């Protein structure tokens, strides 16, 4: 145990002495969480839309005012003698509302009155959101004015749980936290192990009496410590800046966090031992610890929305399971009942990575 502690102390001393490594371990994660957590949002506000009101009646003005009152839209007047497609093509508006000339009369008579909503579909996600918000506003207008005909007998009363304000920051903040925690400890571990292999200083370890287990555990525990410190700093930023906090029993989150720090540190050490070139090791870590988690880990969109041909790959992405655990701990509060499978998956992945790293290190010791 003393050899493991000595190896861990040596790794931590090197990190503390290297200011760039210290900044990479403690400062860059906070900057990345702040930037990405605040920048990524699928909600839309102040979308410019033009209105062509051919009716110019009190009811048509009320419909326009309903759109104007929404924080989603910013209404821009548009002359009735100009084609609204010009505003869309010029980028001055994302949608156009066209109110027919008999709008008020048809509503009073109880006749269906179509109102056209032209939408710029170049951004498919924004177009879908815009169409949904526009439909909600017109539905509310119909309910206020009786609509055309008899309304539905059964109406759904919608109540949002866990994130009632539909805040993107509360949803994406925990995901970005996982992304950052996945990248930096593994990157530091990979650079350290790769540098020792590249500079041949690893031969001193092989010539000593330290075993492969002691060498690996010492390096891994050092970067687990770095990961836990990063976790505390990132959680403090999440709590203070993103308005989240623990809900229910946090024990599953705590156990999963320790296992996940061990998992990413072991992965980085494995890559550093297997790839002696630091630039190549960085690219591999960036691919698996950043890009795949970002795209296939359920961070931006649900895993069910991933094409079926790639969806199975997400089962191999360890960050996917930790994202589910973190979001449960900070948004839903399901505890162990909702997270034990994900915790077990992280533990199994950690064991696989450690076995591969030990096999590689032990074989190199025998060859030396």
Protein backbone atom coordinates (compact mmCIF):
# COMPACT_ATOMS: atom_id res chain seq x y z
CA UNK A 1 0.00 0.00 0.00
CA UNK A 2 2.93 2.35 0.68
CA UNK A 3 4.18 1.87 -2.87
CA UNK A 4 0.76 2.75 -4.25
CA UNK A 5 0.63 5.87 -2.09
CA UNK A 6 4.16 6.84 -3.13
CA UNK A 7 3.31 6.45 -6.81
CA UNK A 8 0.13 8.51 -6.38
CA UNK A 9 2.05 11.19 -4.49
CA UNK A 10 4.64 11.35 -7.27
CA UNK A 11 1.93 11.86 -9.91
CA UNK A 12 0.18 14.57 -7.90
CA UNK A 13 3.49 16.35 -7.29
CA UNK A 14 4.15 16.45 -11.01
CA UNK A 15 0.71 17.92 -11.66
CA UNK A 16 1.12 20.60 -8.99
CA UNK A 17 4.55 21.59 -10.33
CA UNK A 18 3.25 21.85 -13.91
CA UNK A 19 1.11 24.99 -14.07
CA UNK A 20 -0.32 24.07 -17.46
CA UNK A 21 -1.41 20.68 -16.20
CA UNK A 22 -2.88 22.31 -13.10
CA UNK A 23 -4.84 24.75 -15.24
CA UNK A 24 -5.99 21.88 -17.45
CA UNK A 25 -7.15 20.01 -14.37
CA UNK A 26 -8.93 22.78 -12.46
CA UNK A 27 -9.58 25.91 -14.53
CA UNK A 28 -10.44 24.69 -18.02
CA UNK A 29 -13.24 22.38 -16.78
CA UNK A 30 -15.00 25.31 -15.11
CA UNK A 31 -14.63 27.48 -18.21
CA UNK A 32 -15.97 24.73 -20.46
CA UNK A 33 -18.94 24.04 -18.20
CA UNK A 34 -19.81 27.72 -18.04
CA UNK A 35 -19.52 28.28 -21.78
CA UNK A 36 -21.18 25.10 -23.05
CA UNK A 37 -23.79 24.96 -20.31
CA UNK A 38 -24.91 28.49 -21.09
CA UNK A 39 -24.58 28.33 -24.88
CA UNK A 40 -26.38 25.06 -25.63
CA UNK A 41 -30.13 25.57 -25.65
CA UNK A 42 -32.95 24.14 -27.75
CA UNK A 43 -35.47 26.69 -26.53
CA UNK A 44 -36.07 29.70 -28.76
CA UNK A 45 -36.88 33.32 -27.85
CA UNK A 46 -37.55 36.50 -29.83
CA UNK A 47 -37.93 34.79 -33.18
CA UNK A 48 -38.80 37.46 -35.77
CA UNK A 49 -42.07 36.82 -37.59
CA UNK A 50 -43.94 39.03 -40.05
CA UNK A 51 -47.72 39.48 -40.02
CA UNK A 52 -49.96 40.16 -42.99
CA UNK A 53 -53.40 41.09 -41.67
CA UNK A 54 -55.85 41.24 -44.59
CA UNK A 55 -58.81 41.49 -42.21
CA UNK A 56 -57.65 44.37 -40.00
CA UNK A 57 -60.41 43.70 -37.47
CA UNK A 58 -60.53 43.65 -33.69
CA UNK A 59 -60.32 39.84 -33.59
CA UNK A 60 -57.38 39.73 -35.99
CA UNK A 61 -55.60 42.31 -33.85
CA UNK A 62 -56.22 40.14 -30.78
CA UNK A 63 -54.64 37.16 -32.55
CA UNK A 64 -51.61 39.23 -33.47
CA UNK A 65 -51.39 40.51 -29.89
CA UNK A 66 -51.40 36.90 -28.66
CA UNK A 67 -48.30 36.21 -30.76
CA UNK A 68 -46.77 39.51 -29.67
CA UNK A 69 -47.29 38.66 -25.97
CA UNK A 70 -45.32 35.41 -26.33
CA UNK A 71 -41.62 35.56 -25.43
CA UNK A 72 -40.97 33.19 -28.32
CA UNK A 73 -41.95 35.61 -31.08
CA UNK A 74 -41.04 39.12 -32.08
CA UNK A 75 -43.73 40.47 -34.43
CA UNK A 76 -42.64 42.59 -37.38
CA UNK A 77 -45.31 44.41 -39.42
CA UNK A 78 -45.31 43.59 -43.12
CA UNK A 79 -47.19 45.38 -45.94
CA UNK A 80 -50.10 43.43 -47.38
CA UNK A 81 -48.95 44.24 -50.92
CA UNK A 82 -45.60 42.48 -50.51
CA UNK A 83 -44.94 38.75 -50.66
CA UNK A 84 -44.09 37.43 -47.16
CA UNK A 85 -41.66 34.96 -48.72
CA UNK A 86 -39.38 37.94 -49.35
CA UNK A 87 -38.93 38.38 -45.59
CA UNK A 88 -38.08 34.69 -45.19
CA UNK A 89 -35.63 34.68 -48.10
CA UNK A 90 -33.91 37.85 -46.86
CA UNK A 91 -33.53 36.45 -43.34
CA UNK A 92 -35.60 39.23 -41.79
CA UNK A 93 -38.10 36.75 -40.36
CA UNK A 94 -38.28 33.05 -39.48
CA UNK A 95 -42.03 32.78 -40.12
CA UNK A 96 -44.98 34.67 -41.55
CA UNK A 97 -48.59 34.78 -40.32
CA UNK A 98 -51.21 35.46 -42.98
CA UNK A 99 -54.70 36.35 -41.69
CA UNK A 100 -57.47 36.12 -44.34
CA UNK A 101 -59.85 38.98 -45.08
CA UNK A 102 -62.94 37.23 -43.65
CA UNK A 103 -61.29 36.14 -40.43
CA UNK A 104 -63.54 37.96 -37.91
CA UNK A 105 -66.78 37.30 -39.80
CA UNK A 106 -66.08 33.57 -40.05
CA UNK A 107 -65.32 33.32 -36.33
CA UNK A 108 -68.57 35.09 -35.42
CA UNK A 109 -70.52 32.78 -37.75
CA UNK A 110 -68.78 29.68 -36.31
CA UNK A 111 -67.11 28.77 -39.60
CA UNK A 112 -63.61 27.27 -39.80
CA UNK A 113 -61.11 30.04 -40.44
CA UNK A 114 -57.67 28.96 -41.69
CA UNK A 115 -54.73 31.17 -40.72
CA UNK A 116 -51.60 30.40 -42.69
CA UNK A 117 -48.24 30.12 -40.93
CA UNK A 118 -45.27 30.06 -43.31
CA UNK A 119 -42.11 28.79 -41.60
CA UNK A 120 -38.46 28.90 -42.65
CA UNK A 121 -37.52 25.21 -42.55
CA UNK A 122 -33.78 25.62 -43.14
CA UNK A 123 -33.26 24.96 -39.41
CA UNK A 124 -35.46 21.92 -38.85
CA UNK A 125 -35.33 22.01 -35.05
CA UNK A 126 -36.28 25.69 -34.82
CA UNK A 127 -38.99 25.13 -37.43
CA UNK A 128 -40.57 22.35 -35.37
CA UNK A 129 -40.46 24.43 -32.20
CA UNK A 130 -41.90 27.42 -34.01
CA UNK A 131 -44.73 25.36 -35.45
CA UNK A 132 -45.52 23.92 -32.02
CA UNK A 133 -45.54 27.31 -30.28
CA UNK A 134 -47.66 28.79 -33.06
CA UNK A 135 -50.19 25.98 -32.72
CA UNK A 136 -50.38 26.52 -28.94
CA UNK A 137 -51.09 30.22 -29.37
CA UNK A 138 -53.83 29.67 -31.96
CA UNK A 139 -55.35 26.92 -29.80
CA UNK A 140 -55.49 29.29 -26.86
CA UNK A 141 -57.07 31.95 -29.03
CA UNK A 142 -59.72 29.47 -30.18
CA UNK A 143 -60.53 28.45 -26.61
CA UNK A 144 -60.92 32.10 -25.63
CA UNK A 145 -63.29 32.88 -28.49
CA UNK A 146 -65.22 29.64 -28.57
CA UNK A 147 -63.58 28.29 -31.71
CA UNK A 148 -65.49 26.89 -34.62
CA UNK A 149 -68.00 24.26 -33.65
CA UNK A 150 -68.06 22.25 -30.43
CA UNK A 151 -64.79 21.81 -28.61
CA UNK A 152 -63.40 18.43 -27.49
CA UNK A 153 -65.16 16.69 -24.62
CA UNK A 154 -61.89 15.51 -23.01
CA UNK A 155 -59.06 17.96 -22.47
CA UNK A 156 -55.61 17.15 -21.14
CA UNK A 157 -54.34 19.17 -18.19
CA UNK A 158 -50.57 19.31 -18.64
CA UNK A 159 -48.28 19.64 -15.65
CA UNK A 160 -44.49 19.58 -16.04
CA UNK A 161 -42.46 17.79 -13.37
CA UNK A 162 -38.74 17.97 -12.50
CA UNK A 163 -38.12 20.97 -14.79
CA UNK A 164 -41.39 22.94 -14.86
CA UNK A 165 -39.79 26.01 -16.38
CA UNK A 166 -38.38 23.95 -19.25
CA UNK A 167 -34.98 25.49 -18.58
CA UNK A 168 -32.34 24.23 -21.01
CA UNK A 169 -29.58 25.10 -18.56
CA UNK A 170 -31.01 22.83 -15.88
CA UNK A 171 -31.10 19.97 -18.41
CA UNK A 172 -27.84 20.51 -20.30
CA UNK A 173 -25.77 21.69 -17.31
CA UNK A 174 -25.54 18.20 -15.73
CA UNK A 175 -24.76 16.71 -19.15
CA UNK A 176 -21.92 19.16 -19.77
CA UNK A 177 -20.64 18.40 -16.25
CA UNK A 178 -20.34 14.73 -17.25
CA UNK A 179 -18.65 15.65 -20.54
CA UNK A 180 -16.04 17.76 -18.76
CA UNK A 181 -15.41 15.16 -16.07
CA UNK A 182 -15.01 12.53 -18.79
CA UNK A 183 -12.37 14.48 -20.68
CA UNK A 184 -9.84 16.11 -18.38
CA UNK A 185 -8.83 13.34 -15.90
CA UNK A 186 -8.49 10.82 -18.73
CA UNK A 187 -6.55 13.34 -20.83
CA UNK A 188 -4.10 14.09 -18.01
CA UNK A 189 -3.65 10.38 -17.27
CA UNK A 190 -3.06 9.59 -20.94
CA UNK A 191 -0.50 12.38 -21.34
CA UNK A 192 1.37 11.29 -18.23
CA UNK A 193 1.57 7.61 -19.18
CA UNK A 194 2.33 8.38 -22.83
CA UNK A 195 5.11 10.79 -21.87
CA UNK A 196 6.77 8.19 -19.65
CA UNK A 197 6.59 5.61 -22.41
CA UNK A 198 7.84 8.06 -25.06
CA UNK A 199 10.76 9.29 -22.95
CA UNK A 200 11.64 5.74 -21.83
CA UNK A 201 11.44 6.72 -18.14
CA UNK A 202 8.94 3.87 -17.79
CA UNK A 203 11.96 1.52 -17.94
CA UNK A 204 12.95 2.67 -14.44
CA UNK A 205 9.60 1.40 -13.20
CA UNK A 206 10.03 -1.91 -14.97
CA UNK A 207 13.50 -2.32 -13.48
CA UNK A 208 12.23 -1.66 -9.96
CA UNK A 209 10.43 -4.07 -7.67
CA UNK A 210 7.06 -2.34 -8.02
CA UNK A 211 4.37 -4.56 -9.47
CA UNK A 212 2.05 -3.75 -12.33
CA UNK A 213 -0.88 -3.51 -9.90
CA UNK A 214 0.95 -1.07 -7.63
CA UNK A 215 2.14 1.07 -10.53
CA UNK A 216 -1.28 1.26 -12.14
CA UNK A 217 -3.23 1.84 -8.94
CA UNK A 218 -0.83 4.60 -7.88
CA UNK A 219 -1.26 6.45 -11.19
CA UNK A 220 -5.00 5.87 -11.32
CA UNK A 221 -5.65 6.98 -7.72
CA UNK A 222 -3.76 10.21 -8.39
CA UNK A 223 -6.07 11.11 -11.26
CA UNK A 224 -9.10 9.87 -9.34
CA UNK A 225 -8.15 12.52 -6.77
CA UNK A 226 -7.92 15.10 -9.55
CA UNK A 227 -11.32 13.98 -10.84
CA UNK A 228 -12.94 14.28 -7.42
CA UNK A 229 -11.56 17.80 -6.97
CA UNK A 230 -12.89 18.70 -10.41
CA UNK A 231 -16.23 17.17 -9.47
CA UNK A 232 -16.52 19.34 -6.36
CA UNK A 233 -15.65 22.51 -8.27
CA UNK A 234 -18.06 21.68 -11.10
CA UNK A 235 -20.87 20.82 -8.68
CA UNK A 236 -20.36 24.12 -6.88
CA UNK A 237 -20.70 25.91 -10.22
CA UNK A 238 -23.80 23.87 -11.10
CA UNK A 239 -25.47 24.66 -7.79
CA UNK A 240 -24.65 28.38 -7.85
CA UNK A 241 -25.01 29.16 -11.56
CA UNK A 242 -27.43 26.61 -12.98
CA UNK A 243 -29.95 26.41 -10.17
CA UNK A 244 -29.79 22.64 -9.56
CA UNK A 245 -29.27 20.64 -6.39
CA UNK A 246 -29.51 17.14 -5.03
CA UNK A 247 -33.01 15.69 -4.91
CA UNK A 248 -33.56 12.72 -2.66
CA UNK A 249 -30.82 10.28 -1.62
CA UNK A 250 -27.45 11.27 -3.19
CA UNK A 251 -25.64 8.07 -2.21
CA UNK A 252 -26.03 6.50 -5.67
CA UNK A 253 -24.54 9.63 -7.20
CA UNK A 254 -21.60 9.62 -4.79
CA UNK A 255 -20.76 5.97 -5.43
CA UNK A 256 -21.18 6.42 -9.18
CA UNK A 257 -18.94 9.51 -9.17
CA UNK A 258 -16.08 7.69 -7.46
CA UNK A 259 -16.44 4.75 -9.84
CA UNK A 260 -16.65 7.07 -12.83
CA UNK A 261 -13.49 8.95 -11.84
CA UNK A 262 -11.78 5.57 -11.55
CA UNK A 263 -13.20 4.56 -14.95
CA UNK A 264 -12.03 7.62 -16.90
CA UNK A 265 -8.65 7.67 -15.14
CA UNK A 266 -8.11 4.01 -15.96
CA UNK A 267 -9.13 4.61 -19.56
CA UNK A 268 -6.67 7.47 -19.91
CA UNK A 269 -3.87 5.41 -18.34
CA UNK A 270 -4.65 2.52 -20.69
CA UNK A 271 -4.47 4.78 -23.75
CA UNK A 272 -1.23 6.37 -22.55
CA UNK A 273 0.42 2.99 -22.00
CA UNK A 274 -0.78 1.59 -25.32
CA UNK A 275 0.08 4.70 -27.41
CA UNK A 276 3.52 6.23 -26.67
CA UNK A 277 2.91 9.27 -28.90
CA UNK A 278 1.25 12.06 -26.90
CA UNK A 279 -0.51 13.67 -29.87
CA UNK A 280 -2.06 10.35 -30.91
CA UNK A 281 -3.06 9.58 -27.34
CA UNK A 282 -4.80 12.96 -27.07
CA UNK A 283 -6.75 12.28 -30.27
CA UNK A 284 -7.95 8.89 -29.05
CA UNK A 285 -9.01 10.31 -25.69
CA UNK A 286 -10.81 13.20 -27.40
CA UNK A 287 -12.66 10.74 -29.64
CA UNK A 288 -13.90 8.40 -26.93
CA UNK A 289 -14.11 10.72 -23.93
CA UNK A 290 -15.56 13.74 -25.71
CA UNK A 291 -16.96 13.26 -29.20
CA UNK A 292 -18.75 9.94 -28.70
CA UNK A 293 -20.19 10.99 -25.34
CA UNK A 294 -21.32 14.29 -26.87
CA UNK A 295 -23.01 12.61 -29.83
CA UNK A 296 -24.09 9.18 -28.55
CA UNK A 297 -24.38 9.64 -24.79
CA UNK A 298 -27.81 11.25 -24.71
CA UNK A 299 -26.39 14.66 -23.85
CA UNK A 300 -28.08 16.69 -26.59
CA UNK A 301 -30.96 14.47 -27.71
CA UNK A 302 -32.54 11.21 -26.50
CA UNK A 303 -30.75 7.99 -27.37
CA UNK A 304 -34.00 6.72 -28.87
CA UNK A 305 -33.63 9.39 -31.57
CA UNK A 306 -30.24 8.06 -32.69
CA UNK A 307 -30.46 6.08 -35.96
CA UNK A 308 -30.90 2.38 -35.29
CA UNK A 309 -27.65 1.51 -37.06
CA UNK A 310 -25.64 3.54 -34.50
CA UNK A 311 -27.86 3.25 -31.45
CA UNK A 312 -26.18 0.05 -30.23
CA UNK A 313 -22.86 1.92 -29.97
CA UNK A 314 -24.31 4.04 -27.16
CA UNK A 315 -24.43 0.92 -24.98
CA UNK A 316 -20.61 0.91 -25.03
CA UNK A 317 -20.27 4.60 -24.10
CA UNK A 318 -19.58 4.80 -20.35
CA UNK A 319 -20.53 8.48 -20.20
CA UNK A 320 -24.09 7.60 -21.20
CA UNK A 321 -24.69 5.80 -17.91
CA UNK A 322 -23.19 8.55 -15.78
CA UNK A 323 -25.29 11.19 -17.56
CA UNK A 324 -28.42 9.26 -16.58
CA UNK A 325 -27.24 9.01 -12.97
CA UNK A 326 -26.38 12.72 -12.69
CA UNK A 327 -29.66 13.87 -14.22
CA UNK A 328 -31.57 11.58 -11.92
CA UNK A 329 -29.73 12.89 -8.85
CA UNK A 330 -30.11 16.56 -9.79
CA UNK A 331 -33.54 16.57 -11.46
CA UNK A 332 -35.68 13.54 -10.59
CA UNK A 333 -34.38 11.99 -7.36
CA UNK A 334 -35.05 8.33 -8.18
CA UNK A 335 -32.05 7.14 -6.14
CA UNK A 336 -30.76 3.57 -6.24
CA UNK A 337 -33.99 2.18 -7.66
CA UNK A 338 -33.48 4.22 -10.83
CA UNK A 339 -29.67 4.10 -11.02
CA UNK A 340 -28.36 0.71 -9.89
CA UNK A 341 -28.12 -0.64 -13.43
CA UNK A 342 -26.12 2.38 -14.58
CA UNK A 343 -23.81 2.18 -11.54
CA UNK A 344 -23.21 -1.51 -12.27
CA UNK A 345 -22.41 -0.72 -15.92
CA UNK A 346 -19.79 1.84 -14.88
CA UNK A 347 -18.25 -0.66 -12.42
CA UNK A 348 -18.03 -3.35 -15.11
CA UNK A 349 -16.49 -0.91 -17.60
CA UNK A 350 -13.92 0.16 -15.00
CA UNK A 351 -12.98 -3.47 -14.36
CA UNK A 352 -12.56 -4.12 -18.10
CA UNK A 353 -10.35 -1.06 -18.56
CA UNK A 354 -8.22 -1.97 -15.55
CA UNK A 355 -7.81 -5.56 -16.74
CA UNK A 356 -6.67 -4.36 -20.16
CA UNK A 357 -4.25 -1.83 -18.64
CA UNK A 358 -2.81 -4.41 -16.24
CA UNK A 359 -2.35 -6.96 -19.02
CA UNK A 360 -0.51 -4.40 -21.15
CA UNK A 361 1.71 -3.21 -18.29
CA UNK A 362 2.49 -6.72 -17.03
CA UNK A 363 3.45 -7.88 -20.54
CA UNK A 364 5.76 -4.88 -21.01
CA UNK A 365 7.38 -5.59 -17.63
CA UNK A 366 8.13 -9.15 -18.68
CA UNK A 367 9.55 -7.99 -22.01
CA UNK A 368 11.77 -5.45 -20.23
